[in-house]
Amino acid sequence: MRELPPPVRWWGRPFGEARLHLELGRLLLSATWRGDDVPHGDGAPVLLVPGFLAGDLSLVVLHDWLRRIGHRSYRSGIVWNVDCSEAAVRRLERRLVEVADRAGAPVTLVGHSRGGLFSRALAARRPDLVRRVVTLGSPLASQLDASVLTLAAVSGARVAQNLVRPHRPHCLTVRCPCAFSEDLVAPAHPPLVAIWSAQDGIVRPSSCRPDDAEWLEVRGSHVGLGVNVEVYRRLAEILLRP
């Protein structure tokens, strides 16, 4: 898959992202949260990868729910997702090897936003250890196709990366020469499912639907995808596919 250049600047829907707590409340009051209306797991391993400016804590609700309905859910070890993409994926690869070895089976990667980019690149790098990839609001068609405010935060992270790694001036840009960039656009080998929302206020929705993925639409905010009841219902079904 060839990555497309980001289109004209987009301001996003920042006020729509404020519904996060309402989405969490809807989830906690649902039969899905109790596990009553979804199929339960068979113990297959799942590795959760958080998004930009977030860490494993942002997916703790999903992590606990997956375990309660019968899946072996694992954290990525990411505390704050702002690092160089290649360095982050190398650490994530070590974590994937550890999880696959412990589980004795290929792992499903579930990545939110930037975590979905890491998951896709990691699946291209280690298809032997990945069962499938599920992305939540990830700009797979163009990795920097996000709102103006989000890109400003990326610019800040880029400045910090340039101070730490001055020999990598293209870190956190589409011109990054690292292996991550090649892996990100490599043909999808393990099955790829892209969950997206037309109401996404952070990542342009059209970039969350790459040509080589299965698309599943839900309603909700970008930051709330980790606590979105529709996402949970979709995941419960996806994780039991052969």
Protein backbone atom coordinates (compact mmCIF):
# COMPACT_ATOMS: atom_id res chain seq x y z
CA MET A 1 0.00 0.00 0.00
CA ARG A 2 1.40 3.40 -0.97
CA GLU A 3 0.92 6.07 1.67
CA LEU A 4 -0.90 9.12 0.40
CA PRO A 5 0.30 12.66 1.20
CA PRO A 6 -1.89 14.45 3.75
CA PRO A 7 -4.60 16.59 2.10
CA VAL A 8 -5.32 20.24 2.88
CA ARG A 9 -5.35 21.17 6.54
CA TRP A 10 -8.34 20.07 8.56
CA TRP A 11 -9.50 21.60 11.83
CA GLY A 12 -11.24 18.46 13.05
CA ARG A 13 -14.11 18.41 15.54
CA PRO A 14 -12.52 19.24 18.90
CA PHE A 15 -15.79 19.89 20.71
CA GLY A 16 -17.19 16.51 19.68
CA GLU A 17 -14.30 14.83 21.47
CA ALA A 18 -15.71 16.05 24.80
CA ARG A 19 -18.27 13.22 24.75
CA LEU A 20 -15.70 10.73 26.07
CA HIS A 21 -17.31 10.49 29.51
CA LEU A 22 -20.76 9.99 28.03
CA GLU A 23 -19.40 7.15 25.92
CA LEU A 24 -17.80 5.57 28.97
CA GLY A 25 -21.07 5.88 30.89
CA ARG A 26 -23.00 4.27 28.05
CA LEU A 27 -20.55 1.38 28.01
CA LEU A 28 -20.69 0.78 31.77
CA LEU A 29 -24.50 0.68 31.73
CA SER A 30 -24.67 -1.74 28.80
CA ALA A 31 -25.23 -5.48 28.59
CA THR A 32 -22.02 -5.57 26.54
CA TRP A 33 -19.97 -4.44 29.53
CA ARG A 34 -21.54 -7.23 31.59
CA GLY A 35 -20.75 -9.68 28.79
CA ASP A 36 -24.39 -10.61 28.30
CA ASP A 37 -24.84 -9.86 24.61
CA VAL A 38 -21.42 -10.74 23.16
CA PRO A 39 -19.65 -14.05 22.49
CA HIS A 40 -16.99 -14.96 25.02
CA GLY A 41 -13.39 -15.66 24.15
CA ASP A 42 -11.41 -18.85 23.87
CA GLY A 43 -8.29 -17.62 25.64
CA ALA A 44 -6.54 -16.26 22.54
CA PRO A 45 -3.91 -13.56 23.22
CA VAL A 46 -4.57 -9.88 22.47
CA LEU A 47 -1.96 -7.11 22.68
CA LEU A 48 -3.34 -3.57 23.13
CA VAL A 49 -1.35 -0.62 21.75
CA PRO A 50 -2.29 2.94 22.83
CA GLY A 51 -2.41 6.07 20.70
CA PHE A 52 -0.36 9.26 20.44
CA LEU A 53 0.18 11.13 23.74
CA ALA A 54 -1.39 8.19 25.58
CA GLY A 55 -0.21 5.06 27.36
CA ASP A 56 -1.50 1.69 28.47
CA LEU A 57 -3.67 3.42 31.07
CA SER A 58 -5.87 4.78 28.25
CA LEU A 59 -6.90 1.22 27.32
CA VAL A 60 -7.26 -0.20 30.83
CA VAL A 61 -11.06 -0.43 30.55
CA LEU A 62 -10.79 -2.44 27.34
CA HIS A 63 -8.00 -4.56 28.83
CA ASP A 64 -10.07 -5.51 31.89
CA TRP A 65 -13.20 -6.22 29.80
CA LEU A 66 -11.33 -8.50 27.39
CA ARG A 67 -10.01 -10.53 30.29
CA ARG A 68 -13.45 -10.80 31.86
CA ILE A 69 -14.98 -12.22 28.68
CA GLY A 70 -12.32 -14.86 28.20
CA HIS A 71 -9.42 -13.36 26.26
CA ARG A 72 -5.81 -13.10 27.39
CA SER A 73 -5.23 -9.38 27.10
CA TYR A 74 -1.75 -7.87 27.44
CA ARG A 75 -0.45 -4.33 27.81
CA SER A 76 2.15 -2.93 25.43
CA GLY A 77 4.47 -1.42 28.01
CA ILE A 78 4.05 2.06 26.49
CA VAL A 79 3.79 4.74 29.18
CA TRP A 80 3.58 7.78 26.89
CA ASN A 81 3.38 7.35 23.14
CA VAL A 82 5.57 10.17 21.81
CA ASP A 83 8.78 8.33 20.92
CA CYS A 84 10.41 7.80 17.54
CA SER A 85 8.21 5.36 15.59
CA GLU A 86 11.04 2.96 14.75
CA ALA A 87 12.31 2.88 18.34
CA ALA A 88 8.77 2.30 19.62
CA VAL A 89 8.08 -0.53 17.16
CA ARG A 90 11.35 -2.26 18.06
CA ARG A 91 10.36 -2.26 21.73
CA LEU A 92 6.87 -3.40 20.79
CA GLU A 93 8.37 -6.25 18.77
CA ARG A 94 10.18 -7.50 21.85
CA ARG A 95 6.91 -7.33 23.75
CA LEU A 96 5.12 -9.23 20.97
CA VAL A 97 7.73 -12.01 21.07
CA GLU A 98 7.29 -12.26 24.82
CA VAL A 99 3.47 -12.43 24.60
CA ALA A 100 3.43 -14.95 21.74
CA ASP A 101 5.92 -17.15 23.58
CA ARG A 102 3.90 -17.01 26.78
CA ALA A 103 0.61 -17.71 25.01
CA GLY A 104 2.01 -20.28 22.61
CA ALA A 105 -0.04 -18.78 19.76
CA PRO A 106 -0.08 -15.86 17.31
CA VAL A 107 -1.34 -12.60 18.81
CA THR A 108 -4.11 -10.25 17.75
CA LEU A 109 -2.90 -6.64 17.79
CA VAL A 110 -5.48 -3.98 18.68
CA GLY A 111 -4.11 -0.47 18.16
CA HIS A 112 -5.80 2.84 18.88
CA SER A 113 -4.86 5.75 16.60
CA ARG A 114 -1.03 5.83 16.36
CA GLY A 115 -1.02 2.47 18.06
CA GLY A 116 -2.76 1.11 14.96
CA LEU A 117 0.11 2.38 12.81
CA PHE A 118 2.57 0.58 15.05
CA SER A 119 0.44 -2.58 14.91
CA ARG A 120 0.31 -2.61 11.13
CA ALA A 121 4.07 -2.06 10.82
CA LEU A 122 4.72 -4.76 13.41
CA ALA A 123 2.49 -7.25 11.57
CA ALA A 124 4.47 -6.64 8.37
CA ARG A 125 7.69 -7.17 10.31
CA ARG A 126 6.60 -10.28 12.21
CA PRO A 127 3.68 -11.94 10.38
CA ASP A 128 4.65 -15.23 11.99
CA LEU A 129 3.59 -13.91 15.39
CA VAL A 130 0.47 -11.92 14.44
CA ARG A 131 -2.98 -13.45 14.02
CA ARG A 132 -4.67 -10.25 12.85
CA VAL A 133 -4.58 -6.48 13.29
CA VAL A 134 -7.52 -4.37 14.44
CA THR A 135 -7.10 -0.60 14.26
CA LEU A 136 -9.28 1.97 16.03
CA GLY A 137 -9.33 5.34 14.28
CA SER A 138 -5.84 4.90 12.80
CA PRO A 139 -4.79 7.06 9.80
CA LEU A 140 -3.43 4.11 7.82
CA ALA A 141 -3.91 5.78 4.44
CA SER A 142 -1.86 8.82 5.48
CA GLN A 143 -0.23 8.72 8.90
CA LEU A 144 -0.29 12.50 9.52
CA ASP A 145 -3.80 13.16 8.25
CA ALA A 146 -5.05 14.66 11.51
CA SER A 147 -6.50 17.89 12.81
CA VAL A 148 -4.46 21.09 12.97
CA LEU A 149 -4.29 20.92 16.77
CA THR A 150 -3.09 17.32 16.66
CA LEU A 151 -0.41 18.16 14.11
CA ALA A 152 0.76 20.98 16.38
CA ALA A 153 1.27 18.41 19.13
CA VAL A 154 3.15 16.18 16.67
CA SER A 155 5.39 19.14 15.81
CA GLY A 156 6.20 19.58 19.49
CA ALA A 157 7.11 15.90 19.80
CA ARG A 158 9.21 16.21 16.64
CA VAL A 159 11.23 19.06 18.15
CA ALA A 160 11.89 16.93 21.23
CA GLN A 161 12.92 13.97 19.08
CA ASN A 162 15.32 16.14 17.10
CA LEU A 163 17.00 17.20 20.34
CA VAL A 164 17.40 13.57 21.42
CA ARG A 165 18.24 12.21 17.97
CA PRO A 166 19.70 15.07 15.90
CA HIS A 167 20.94 12.53 13.33
CA ARG A 168 17.31 11.75 12.45
CA PRO A 169 15.85 15.08 11.28
CA HIS A 170 12.88 13.41 9.57
CA CYS A 171 11.62 11.66 12.70
CA LEU A 172 7.81 11.89 13.01
CA THR A 173 7.39 12.98 9.41
CA VAL A 174 6.20 11.17 6.27
CA ARG A 175 9.83 11.37 5.02
CA CYS A 176 11.12 9.16 7.84
CA PRO A 177 13.72 6.80 6.27
CA CYS A 178 13.49 4.15 9.00
CA ALA A 179 12.21 0.62 8.45
CA PHE A 180 8.96 1.65 10.13
CA SER A 181 7.95 3.68 7.09
CA GLU A 182 8.48 0.73 4.75
CA ASP A 183 6.66 -1.69 7.04
CA LEU A 184 3.73 0.69 7.38
CA VAL A 185 2.99 0.62 3.65
CA ALA A 186 3.86 -3.02 3.03
CA PRO A 187 1.01 -5.23 1.77
CA ALA A 188 -1.14 -6.45 4.64
CA HIS A 189 -0.41 -10.12 5.33
CA PRO A 190 -2.30 -10.94 8.52
CA PRO A 191 -5.96 -9.87 8.19
CA LEU A 192 -6.47 -6.15 8.81
CA VAL A 193 -9.72 -4.73 10.21
CA ALA A 194 -10.08 -0.94 10.40
CA ILE A 195 -12.72 0.35 12.81
CA TRP A 196 -13.50 4.01 12.16
CA SER A 197 -16.01 6.74 13.00
CA ALA A 198 -17.39 9.42 10.70
CA GLN A 199 -17.59 11.66 13.80
CA ASP A 200 -13.85 11.35 14.50
CA GLY A 201 -12.60 14.76 15.56
CA ILE A 202 -8.88 14.00 15.67
CA VAL A 203 -8.07 11.88 12.59
CA ARG A 204 -9.71 12.51 9.24
CA PRO A 205 -12.17 9.61 8.82
CA SER A 206 -11.26 8.93 5.18
CA SER A 207 -7.68 8.11 6.21
CA CYS A 208 -8.88 5.40 8.57
CA ARG A 209 -10.14 3.27 5.67
CA PRO A 210 -7.13 1.89 3.73
CA ASP A 211 -7.84 0.00 0.53
CA ASP A 212 -6.48 -3.31 1.82
CA ALA A 213 -8.50 -3.48 5.05
CA GLU A 214 -11.98 -4.54 6.05
CA TRP A 215 -13.86 -1.42 7.21
CA LEU A 216 -16.26 -1.39 10.15
CA GLU A 217 -17.98 1.87 11.05
CA VAL A 218 -19.06 2.89 14.54
CA ARG A 219 -20.44 6.13 15.95
CA GLY A 220 -18.43 8.15 18.44
CA SER A 221 -15.42 10.31 19.17
CA HIS A 222 -11.80 9.49 18.43
CA VAL A 223 -10.52 9.49 22.01
CA GLY A 224 -13.58 7.50 23.05
CA LEU A 225 -12.94 4.55 20.75
CA GLY A 226 -11.31 2.71 23.64
CA VAL A 227 -14.56 2.87 25.64
CA ASN A 228 -17.06 2.74 22.76
CA VAL A 229 -19.74 0.09 23.25
CA GLU A 230 -20.05 -0.47 19.49
CA VAL A 231 -16.30 -1.07 19.26
CA TYR A 232 -16.54 -3.65 22.04
CA ARG A 233 -19.33 -5.52 20.25
CA ARG A 234 -17.33 -5.53 17.03
CA LEU A 235 -14.19 -6.73 18.79
CA ALA A 236 -15.98 -9.58 20.53
CA GLU A 237 -16.99 -10.93 17.12
CA ILE A 238 -13.68 -10.23 15.35
CA LEU A 239 -11.57 -11.94 18.02
CA LEU A 240 -13.41 -15.24 17.52
CA ARG A 241 -12.92 -15.38 13.76
CA PRO A 242 -10.87 -18.35 12.58
